[in-house]
Amino acid sequence: MKIYKQPLYYEIAFGFVNPKKQIDSFEKIIKKFSKIKVKRFLDIACGPSLQLREIVRRGYEGIGLDSSPQMLRYLEKKAKEENFKVETVKADMINFKLKKKADFAFIMMGSLNFGSNDEFLSHLNSVGFSLNKGSLYLIQNQVLNWKNPVKQQWTSKRGGITIKTVFDWKFKNIIDQVYEEKITLYVDDNGKKEKIINKKNLKFIFPQEFKTLVELNRNFEFLGWWYGNCNTWHLNVPLKENKISRGNIIIVRRK
């Protein structure tokens, strides 16, 4: 997919997050819910991973897992430039195994995307095998407003590069819960213009379905769903009926 072959453009387009605030939230979540001491973090579908870069600066170990070799090479390059060490693993998040288990796993930007429930169950198995018992898996979830799709767009700039990002999706098959996600980057790289389009068909996993699949998988216990924005999540504000939140997280714990 073309967008994942352009890590610098991707980082600029989605660089509106504040990794310091995000990792502050991680540490609060760990303190509240983790049954083990956390030394080793796993970022699933990591991309350029501003999060891992902040995590390693704080003295933790970091592992970035992604299926895109371009993203992993970029992350390794940034690690060298910024003088920190990070492990990388090239693998599909549906089926992977780490050589050394982690103490906390996370997936950001609504990247928990699958074509079927079977793929999701395989993913839970992979994460379960890669985490120590008592550790947490934090999922920054998709927007839950599947009834009324809303097109989102924003513009980001860095070092002479301007990128307008347009995010849109639409249902393709209501019965099978399949939707098409479309991301378009309008890039102006110091006068050189390019349009990058990424489309993929994915399956919505609805909240009660999600909980049932976690129970069926048996590797995790479901801890809850909370409100928040892209940087901070509010553990005193659980997701409630008839409330739509663009920013929400799920936390499960390894049994």
C-alpha atoms as a PDB file:
ATOM      1  CA  MET A   1       0.000   0.000   0.000  1.00  0.00           C
ATOM      2  CA  LYS A   2       1.545   3.211  -1.232  1.00  0.00           C
ATOM      3  CA  ILE A   3       0.917   5.313   1.861  1.00  0.00           C
ATOM      4  CA  TYR A   4       2.905   2.892   4.040  1.00  0.00           C
ATOM      5  CA  LYS A   5       5.882   3.196   1.699  1.00  0.00           C
ATOM      6  CA  GLN A   6       6.186   6.898   2.551  1.00  0.00           C
ATOM      7  CA  PRO A   7       7.097   7.013   6.262  1.00  0.00           C
ATOM      8  CA  LEU A   8       8.143  10.680   6.338  1.00  0.00           C
ATOM      9  CA  TYR A   9       4.887  11.823   4.738  1.00  0.00           C
ATOM     10  CA  TYR A  10       2.952   9.509   7.035  1.00  0.00           C
ATOM     11  CA  GLU A  11       4.716  10.892  10.105  1.00  0.00           C
ATOM     12  CA  ILE A  12       4.000  14.484   9.061  1.00  0.00           C
ATOM     13  CA  ALA A  13       0.362  13.735   8.229  1.00  0.00           C
ATOM     14  CA  PHE A  14      -0.314  12.021  11.560  1.00  0.00           C
ATOM     15  CA  GLY A  15       2.165  13.981  13.646  1.00  0.00           C
ATOM     16  CA  PHE A  16      -0.536  15.954  15.467  1.00  0.00           C
ATOM     17  CA  VAL A  17      -0.329  13.580  18.436  1.00  0.00           C
ATOM     18  CA  ASN A  18       1.593  14.435  21.608  1.00  0.00           C
ATOM     19  CA  PRO A  19       3.677  11.348  22.485  1.00  0.00           C
ATOM     20  CA  LYS A  20       4.694  12.747  25.883  1.00  0.00           C
ATOM     21  CA  LYS A  21       1.050  13.029  26.954  1.00  0.00           C
ATOM     22  CA  GLN A  22       0.290   9.608  25.493  1.00  0.00           C
ATOM     23  CA  ILE A  23       3.076   7.894  27.422  1.00  0.00           C
ATOM     24  CA  ASP A  24       2.091   9.798  30.575  1.00  0.00           C
ATOM     25  CA  SER A  25      -1.335   8.183  30.100  1.00  0.00           C
ATOM     26  CA  PHE A  26       0.273   4.773  29.545  1.00  0.00           C
ATOM     27  CA  GLU A  27       2.133   5.056  32.837  1.00  0.00           C
ATOM     28  CA  LYS A  28      -1.070   5.961  34.706  1.00  0.00           C
ATOM     29  CA  ILE A  29      -2.885   3.019  33.107  1.00  0.00           C
ATOM     30  CA  ILE A  30      -0.034   0.669  34.015  1.00  0.00           C
ATOM     31  CA  LYS A  31      -0.094   1.865  37.614  1.00  0.00           C
ATOM     32  CA  LYS A  32      -3.844   1.261  37.830  1.00  0.00           C
ATOM     33  CA  PHE A  33      -4.253  -2.027  35.956  1.00  0.00           C
ATOM     34  CA  SER A  34      -0.995  -3.891  35.329  1.00  0.00           C
ATOM     35  CA  LYS A  35      -0.195  -6.849  37.580  1.00  0.00           C
ATOM     36  CA  ILE A  36       3.480  -6.792  36.647  1.00  0.00           C
ATOM     37  CA  LYS A  37       6.304  -4.278  36.472  1.00  0.00           C
ATOM     38  CA  VAL A  38       6.662  -2.922  32.939  1.00  0.00           C
ATOM     39  CA  LYS A  39      10.081  -2.747  31.321  1.00  0.00           C
ATOM     40  CA  ARG A  40       9.393  -3.785  27.731  1.00  0.00           C
ATOM     41  CA  PHE A  41       6.820  -2.185  25.375  1.00  0.00           C
ATOM     42  CA  LEU A  42       5.482  -3.591  22.095  1.00  0.00           C
ATOM     43  CA  ASP A  43       4.040  -1.188  19.499  1.00  0.00           C
ATOM     44  CA  ILE A  44       1.868  -3.121  17.023  1.00  0.00           C
ATOM     45  CA  ALA A  45       1.509  -1.633  13.511  1.00  0.00           C
ATOM     46  CA  CYS A  46       4.090   0.838  14.751  1.00  0.00           C
ATOM     47  CA  GLY A  47       4.814   2.926  11.656  1.00  0.00           C
ATOM     48  CA  PRO A  48       7.282   5.745  12.501  1.00  0.00           C
ATOM     49  CA  SER A  49       6.238   5.353  16.180  1.00  0.00           C
ATOM     50  CA  LEU A  50       6.646   8.677  17.925  1.00  0.00           C
ATOM     51  CA  GLN A  51       5.419   6.702  20.942  1.00  0.00           C
ATOM     52  CA  LEU A  52       8.283   4.176  21.015  1.00  0.00           C
ATOM     53  CA  ARG A  53      10.781   6.969  20.590  1.00  0.00           C
ATOM     54  CA  GLU A  54       9.385   8.657  23.725  1.00  0.00           C
ATOM     55  CA  ILE A  55       9.168   5.334  25.578  1.00  0.00           C
ATOM     56  CA  VAL A  56      12.842   4.530  24.995  1.00  0.00           C
ATOM     57  CA  ARG A  57      13.865   8.048  26.043  1.00  0.00           C
ATOM     58  CA  ARG A  58      12.271   7.262  29.423  1.00  0.00           C
ATOM     59  CA  GLY A  59      14.503   4.240  29.899  1.00  0.00           C
ATOM     60  CA  TYR A  60      12.171   1.439  28.805  1.00  0.00           C
ATOM     61  CA  GLU A  61      12.826  -1.184  26.122  1.00  0.00           C
ATOM     62  CA  GLY A  62      10.871  -0.786  22.885  1.00  0.00           C
ATOM     63  CA  ILE A  63       9.843  -3.158  20.091  1.00  0.00           C
ATOM     64  CA  GLY A  64       8.218  -1.953  16.892  1.00  0.00           C
ATOM     65  CA  LEU A  65       6.225  -4.456  14.836  1.00  0.00           C
ATOM     66  CA  ASP A  66       5.048  -3.594  11.325  1.00  0.00           C
ATOM     67  CA  SER A  67       4.548  -5.313   7.973  1.00  0.00           C
ATOM     68  CA  SER A  68       6.075  -2.354   6.094  1.00  0.00           C
ATOM     69  CA  PRO A  69       9.880  -2.581   5.679  1.00  0.00           C
ATOM     70  CA  GLN A  70       9.949   1.121   4.756  1.00  0.00           C
ATOM     71  CA  MET A  71       8.354   2.075   8.084  1.00  0.00           C
ATOM     72  CA  LEU A  72      10.771  -0.092  10.040  1.00  0.00           C
ATOM     73  CA  ARG A  73      13.830   1.246   8.214  1.00  0.00           C
ATOM     74  CA  TYR A  74      12.632   4.789   8.933  1.00  0.00           C
ATOM     75  CA  LEU A  75      12.159   3.994  12.626  1.00  0.00           C
ATOM     76  CA  GLU A  76      15.644   2.458  12.778  1.00  0.00           C
ATOM     77  CA  LYS A  77      17.068   5.535  11.043  1.00  0.00           C
ATOM     78  CA  LYS A  78      15.392   7.879  13.540  1.00  0.00           C
ATOM     79  CA  ALA A  79      16.684   5.731  16.409  1.00  0.00           C
ATOM     80  CA  LYS A  80      20.229   6.098  15.106  1.00  0.00           C
ATOM     81  CA  GLU A  81      19.848   9.848  14.558  1.00  0.00           C
ATOM     82  CA  GLU A  82      18.324  10.386  18.004  1.00  0.00           C
ATOM     83  CA  ASN A  83      20.787   8.004  19.700  1.00  0.00           C
ATOM     84  CA  PHE A  84      18.387   5.458  21.135  1.00  0.00           C
ATOM     85  CA  LYS A  85      17.964   1.716  20.673  1.00  0.00           C
ATOM     86  CA  VAL A  86      14.778   0.103  19.435  1.00  0.00           C
ATOM     87  CA  GLU A  87      14.058  -3.421  18.199  1.00  0.00           C
ATOM     88  CA  THR A  88      12.056  -3.915  15.024  1.00  0.00           C
ATOM     89  CA  VAL A  89      10.099  -6.940  13.813  1.00  0.00           C
ATOM     90  CA  LYS A  90       8.732  -7.255  10.282  1.00  0.00           C
ATOM     91  CA  ALA A  91       5.483  -9.208  10.600  1.00  0.00           C
ATOM     92  CA  ASP A  92       1.772  -9.109   9.919  1.00  0.00           C
ATOM     93  CA  MET A  93      -0.144  -8.355  13.122  1.00  0.00           C
ATOM     94  CA  ILE A  94      -2.516 -11.237  12.400  1.00  0.00           C
ATOM     95  CA  ASN A  95       0.197 -13.831  12.941  1.00  0.00           C
ATOM     96  CA  PHE A  96       3.487 -13.126  14.736  1.00  0.00           C
ATOM     97  CA  LYS A  97       5.661 -14.266  17.623  1.00  0.00           C
ATOM     98  CA  LEU A  98       8.347 -12.411  19.559  1.00  0.00           C
ATOM     99  CA  LYS A  99      11.631 -13.969  20.621  1.00  0.00           C
ATOM    100  CA  LYS A 100      11.315 -12.219  23.992  1.00  0.00           C
ATOM    101  CA  LYS A 101       7.940 -11.392  25.536  1.00  0.00           C
ATOM    102  CA  ALA A 102       6.808  -7.854  26.319  1.00  0.00           C
ATOM    103  CA  ASP A 103       5.168  -6.384  29.440  1.00  0.00           C
ATOM    104  CA  PHE A 104       2.800  -3.952  27.690  1.00  0.00           C
ATOM    105  CA  ALA A 105       1.420  -3.889  24.147  1.00  0.00           C
ATOM    106  CA  PHE A 106      -0.387  -1.081  22.354  1.00  0.00           C
ATOM    107  CA  ILE A 107      -1.832  -0.262  18.957  1.00  0.00           C
ATOM    108  CA  MET A 108      -2.586   3.333  17.977  1.00  0.00           C
ATOM    109  CA  MET A 109      -4.577   5.443  15.497  1.00  0.00           C
ATOM    110  CA  GLY A 110      -7.437   2.968  15.031  1.00  0.00           C
ATOM    111  CA  SER A 111      -5.025   0.503  13.405  1.00  0.00           C
ATOM    112  CA  LEU A 112      -6.797  -2.578  14.801  1.00  0.00           C
ATOM    113  CA  ASN A 113      -8.204  -3.532  11.412  1.00  0.00           C
ATOM    114  CA  PHE A 114      -9.142  -6.981  10.124  1.00  0.00           C
ATOM    115  CA  GLY A 115     -11.071  -8.587   7.333  1.00  0.00           C
ATOM    116  CA  SER A 116     -12.795 -11.171   9.535  1.00  0.00           C
ATOM    117  CA  ASN A 117     -13.369 -12.342  13.107  1.00  0.00           C
ATOM    118  CA  ASP A 118     -10.995 -15.253  12.489  1.00  0.00           C
ATOM    119  CA  GLU A 119      -8.196 -12.780  11.718  1.00  0.00           C
ATOM    120  CA  PHE A 120      -8.957 -10.894  14.925  1.00  0.00           C
ATOM    121  CA  LEU A 121      -8.847 -14.115  16.974  1.00  0.00           C
ATOM    122  CA  SER A 122      -5.506 -15.008  15.379  1.00  0.00           C
ATOM    123  CA  HIS A 123      -4.244 -11.537  16.292  1.00  0.00           C
ATOM    124  CA  LEU A 124      -5.297 -12.023  19.930  1.00  0.00           C
ATOM    125  CA  ASN A 125      -3.437 -15.331  19.984  1.00  0.00           C
ATOM    126  CA  SER A 126      -0.295 -13.662  18.633  1.00  0.00           C
ATOM    127  CA  VAL A 127      -0.479 -10.826  21.167  1.00  0.00           C
ATOM    128  CA  GLY A 128      -1.228 -13.296  23.952  1.00  0.00           C
ATOM    129  CA  PHE A 129       1.818 -15.418  23.095  1.00  0.00           C
ATOM    130  CA  SER A 130       3.966 -12.276  23.024  1.00  0.00           C
ATOM    131  CA  LEU A 131       2.944 -10.852  26.422  1.00  0.00           C
ATOM    132  CA  ASN A 132       3.829 -11.888  29.946  1.00  0.00           C
ATOM    133  CA  LYS A 133       0.954 -12.858  32.220  1.00  0.00           C
ATOM    134  CA  GLY A 134      -0.619  -9.923  34.016  1.00  0.00           C
ATOM    135  CA  SER A 135       0.398  -7.423  31.332  1.00  0.00           C
ATOM    136  CA  LEU A 136      -1.885  -5.045  29.452  1.00  0.00           C
ATOM    137  CA  TYR A 137      -2.896  -4.573  25.842  1.00  0.00           C
ATOM    138  CA  LEU A 138      -4.127  -1.053  25.080  1.00  0.00           C
ATOM    139  CA  ILE A 139      -6.100  -0.425  21.893  1.00  0.00           C
ATOM    140  CA  GLN A 140      -6.694   3.106  20.640  1.00  0.00           C
ATOM    141  CA  ASN A 141      -9.888   2.191  18.864  1.00  0.00           C
ATOM    142  CA  GLN A 142     -11.672   3.214  15.683  1.00  0.00           C
ATOM    143  CA  VAL A 143     -14.312   5.913  15.729  1.00  0.00           C
ATOM    144  CA  LEU A 144     -17.510   4.248  16.925  1.00  0.00           C
ATOM    145  CA  ASN A 145     -19.856   6.337  14.793  1.00  0.00           C
ATOM    146  CA  TRP A 146     -20.642   3.695  12.169  1.00  0.00           C
ATOM    147  CA  LYS A 147     -24.190   5.027  11.644  1.00  0.00           C
ATOM    148  CA  ASN A 148     -23.104   8.416  10.306  1.00  0.00           C
ATOM    149  CA  PRO A 149     -19.691   8.354   8.596  1.00  0.00           C
ATOM    150  CA  VAL A 150     -17.933  11.719   8.819  1.00  0.00           C
ATOM    151  CA  LYS A 151     -15.192  12.800   6.444  1.00  0.00           C
ATOM    152  CA  GLN A 152     -12.190  14.225   8.299  1.00  0.00           C
ATOM    153  CA  GLN A 153      -9.473  16.443   6.872  1.00  0.00           C
ATOM    154  CA  TRP A 154      -6.535  18.403   8.211  1.00  0.00           C
ATOM    155  CA  THR A 155      -3.303  20.013   7.007  1.00  0.00           C
ATOM    156  CA  SER A 156       0.188  19.454   8.446  1.00  0.00           C
ATOM    157  CA  LYS A 157       3.467  21.220   7.672  1.00  0.00           C
ATOM    158  CA  ARG A 158       7.133  20.512   8.324  1.00  0.00           C
ATOM    159  CA  GLY A 159      10.361  21.689   6.693  1.00  0.00           C
ATOM    160  CA  GLY A 160       8.879  22.881   3.438  1.00  0.00           C
ATOM    161  CA  ILE A 161       6.492  19.913   3.158  1.00  0.00           C
ATOM    162  CA  THR A 162       2.742  20.550   3.342  1.00  0.00           C
ATOM    163  CA  ILE A 163       0.314  17.625   3.499  1.00  0.00           C
ATOM    164  CA  LYS A 164      -3.452  17.799   3.393  1.00  0.00           C
ATOM    165  CA  THR A 165      -4.935  14.551   4.715  1.00  0.00           C
ATOM    166  CA  VAL A 166      -8.475  13.437   3.924  1.00  0.00           C
ATOM    167  CA  PHE A 167      -9.890  10.423   5.796  1.00  0.00           C
ATOM    168  CA  ASP A 168     -13.169   8.934   4.665  1.00  0.00           C
ATOM    169  CA  TRP A 169     -15.041   5.650   4.835  1.00  0.00           C
ATOM    170  CA  LYS A 170     -18.311   4.099   3.753  1.00  0.00           C
ATOM    171  CA  PHE A 171     -20.150   0.832   4.305  1.00  0.00           C
ATOM    172  CA  LYS A 172     -19.909  -1.655   1.448  1.00  0.00           C
ATOM    173  CA  ASN A 173     -21.756  -4.585   3.012  1.00  0.00           C
ATOM    174  CA  ILE A 174     -24.014  -3.990   6.018  1.00  0.00           C
ATOM    175  CA  ILE A 175     -24.669  -7.685   6.694  1.00  0.00           C
ATOM    176  CA  ASP A 176     -20.976  -8.616   6.790  1.00  0.00           C
ATOM    177  CA  GLN A 177     -20.064  -5.302   8.517  1.00  0.00           C
ATOM    178  CA  VAL A 178     -17.550  -4.500   5.763  1.00  0.00           C
ATOM    179  CA  TYR A 179     -16.557  -0.916   5.044  1.00  0.00           C
ATOM    180  CA  GLU A 180     -14.083   0.774   2.723  1.00  0.00           C
ATOM    181  CA  GLU A 181     -11.504   3.021   4.363  1.00  0.00           C
ATOM    182  CA  LYS A 182      -9.915   5.671   2.174  1.00  0.00           C
ATOM    183  CA  ILE A 183      -6.968   7.878   3.115  1.00  0.00           C
ATOM    184  CA  THR A 184      -5.753  10.509   0.654  1.00  0.00           C
ATOM    185  CA  LEU A 185      -2.586  12.561   1.104  1.00  0.00           C
ATOM    186  CA  TYR A 186      -2.191  15.710  -0.989  1.00  0.00           C
ATOM    187  CA  VAL A 187       1.552  16.309  -0.746  1.00  0.00           C
ATOM    188  CA  ASP A 188       3.446  19.478  -1.630  1.00  0.00           C
ATOM    189  CA  ASP A 189       7.104  18.627  -1.020  1.00  0.00           C
ATOM    190  CA  ASN A 190       8.921  21.917  -1.596  1.00  0.00           C
ATOM    191  CA  GLY A 191       6.973  22.448  -4.818  1.00  0.00           C
ATOM    192  CA  LYS A 192       6.825  18.820  -5.917  1.00  0.00           C
ATOM    193  CA  LYS A 193       3.188  17.753  -5.754  1.00  0.00           C
ATOM    194  CA  GLU A 194       1.852  14.227  -5.347  1.00  0.00           C
ATOM    195  CA  LYS A 195      -1.486  12.611  -4.536  1.00  0.00           C
ATOM    196  CA  ILE A 196      -1.316   9.366  -2.555  1.00  0.00           C
ATOM    197  CA  ILE A 197      -4.483   7.302  -2.170  1.00  0.00           C
ATOM    198  CA  ASN A 198      -4.867   4.278   0.066  1.00  0.00           C
ATOM    199  CA  LYS A 199      -8.049   2.148   0.040  1.00  0.00           C
ATOM    200  CA  LYS A 200      -8.817  -1.061   1.898  1.00  0.00           C
ATOM    201  CA  ASN A 201     -11.871  -3.092   2.854  1.00  0.00           C
ATOM    202  CA  LEU A 202     -12.182  -3.799   6.577  1.00  0.00           C
ATOM    203  CA  LYS A 203     -14.688  -5.234   9.009  1.00  0.00           C
ATOM    204  CA  PHE A 204     -16.277  -3.356  11.883  1.00  0.00           C
ATOM    205  CA  ILE A 205     -16.099  -5.303  15.137  1.00  0.00           C
ATOM    206  CA  PHE A 206     -18.963  -3.942  17.212  1.00  0.00           C
ATOM    207  CA  PRO A 207     -18.523  -3.501  20.996  1.00  0.00           C
ATOM    208  CA  GLN A 208     -20.452  -6.531  22.254  1.00  0.00           C
ATOM    209  CA  GLU A 209     -18.995  -8.638  19.459  1.00  0.00           C
ATOM    210  CA  PHE A 210     -15.525  -7.490  20.523  1.00  0.00           C
ATOM    211  CA  LYS A 211     -16.132  -8.538  24.131  1.00  0.00           C
ATOM    212  CA  THR A 212     -17.500 -11.917  23.022  1.00  0.00           C
ATOM    213  CA  LEU A 213     -14.465 -12.580  20.819  1.00  0.00           C
ATOM    214  CA  VAL A 214     -12.105 -11.689  23.687  1.00  0.00           C
ATOM    215  CA  GLU A 215     -13.968 -14.152  25.924  1.00  0.00           C
ATOM    216  CA  LEU A 216     -13.870 -16.812  23.185  1.00  0.00           C
ATOM    217  CA  ASN A 217     -10.127 -16.318  22.758  1.00  0.00           C
ATOM    218  CA  ARG A 218      -9.491 -16.892  26.517  1.00  0.00           C
ATOM    219  CA  ASN A 219      -6.055 -15.226  26.560  1.00  0.00           C
ATOM    220  CA  PHE A 220      -7.329 -11.945  27.999  1.00  0.00           C
ATOM    221  CA  GLU A 221      -9.777 -10.453  30.457  1.00  0.00           C
ATOM    222  CA  PHE A 222     -11.724  -7.422  29.264  1.00  0.00           C
ATOM    223  CA  LEU A 223     -11.141  -4.444  31.598  1.00  0.00           C
ATOM    224  CA  GLY A 224     -13.145  -1.712  29.913  1.00  0.00           C
ATOM    225  CA  TRP A 225     -13.770   1.007  27.354  1.00  0.00           C
ATOM    226  CA  TRP A 226     -12.984   4.663  28.113  1.00  0.00           C
ATOM    227  CA  TYR A 227     -13.378   8.117  26.612  1.00  0.00           C
ATOM    228  CA  GLY A 228     -10.512  10.335  25.627  1.00  0.00           C
ATOM    229  CA  ASN A 229      -8.842  12.241  22.827  1.00  0.00           C
ATOM    230  CA  CYS A 230      -5.830  11.257  20.732  1.00  0.00           C
ATOM    231  CA  ASN A 231      -3.430  12.017  23.605  1.00  0.00           C
ATOM    232  CA  THR A 232      -5.177  11.437  26.931  1.00  0.00           C
ATOM    233  CA  TRP A 233      -7.697   8.855  28.100  1.00  0.00           C
ATOM    234  CA  HIS A 234      -9.945   9.302  31.100  1.00  0.00           C
ATOM    235  CA  LEU A 235     -10.138   6.239  33.314  1.00  0.00           C
ATOM    236  CA  ASN A 236     -12.913   7.890  35.337  1.00  0.00           C
ATOM    237  CA  VAL A 237     -15.111   8.229  32.239  1.00  0.00           C
ATOM    238  CA  PRO A 238     -16.175   4.823  30.880  1.00  0.00           C
ATOM    239  CA  LEU A 239     -17.877   4.647  27.507  1.00  0.00           C
ATOM    240  CA  LYS A 240     -21.651   4.789  27.906  1.00  0.00           C
ATOM    241  CA  GLU A 241     -24.703   3.898  25.876  1.00  0.00           C
ATOM    242  CA  ASN A 242     -25.701   6.299  23.076  1.00  0.00           C
ATOM    243  CA  LYS A 243     -22.524   8.347  23.434  1.00  0.00           C
ATOM    244  CA  ILE A 244     -20.266   8.576  20.388  1.00  0.00           C
ATOM    245  CA  SER A 245     -16.577   9.237  20.951  1.00  0.00           C
ATOM    246  CA  ARG A 246     -13.944   9.716  18.288  1.00  0.00           C
ATOM    247  CA  GLY A 247     -11.304   9.080  20.937  1.00  0.00           C
ATOM    248  CA  ASN A 248     -11.736   5.887  22.895  1.00  0.00           C
ATOM    249  CA  ILE A 249      -9.542   3.121  24.235  1.00  0.00           C
ATOM    250  CA  ILE A 250     -10.007  -0.518  25.144  1.00  0.00           C
ATOM    251  CA  ILE A 251      -7.836  -2.232  27.734  1.00  0.00           C
ATOM    252  CA  VAL A 252      -7.528  -5.994  28.130  1.00  0.00           C
ATOM    253  CA  ARG A 253      -5.177  -7.883  30.455  1.00  0.00           C
ATOM    254  CA  ARG A 254      -3.250 -11.057  29.761  1.00  0.00           C
ATOM    255  CA  LYS A 255      -4.454 -13.929  31.936  1.00  0.00           C
END
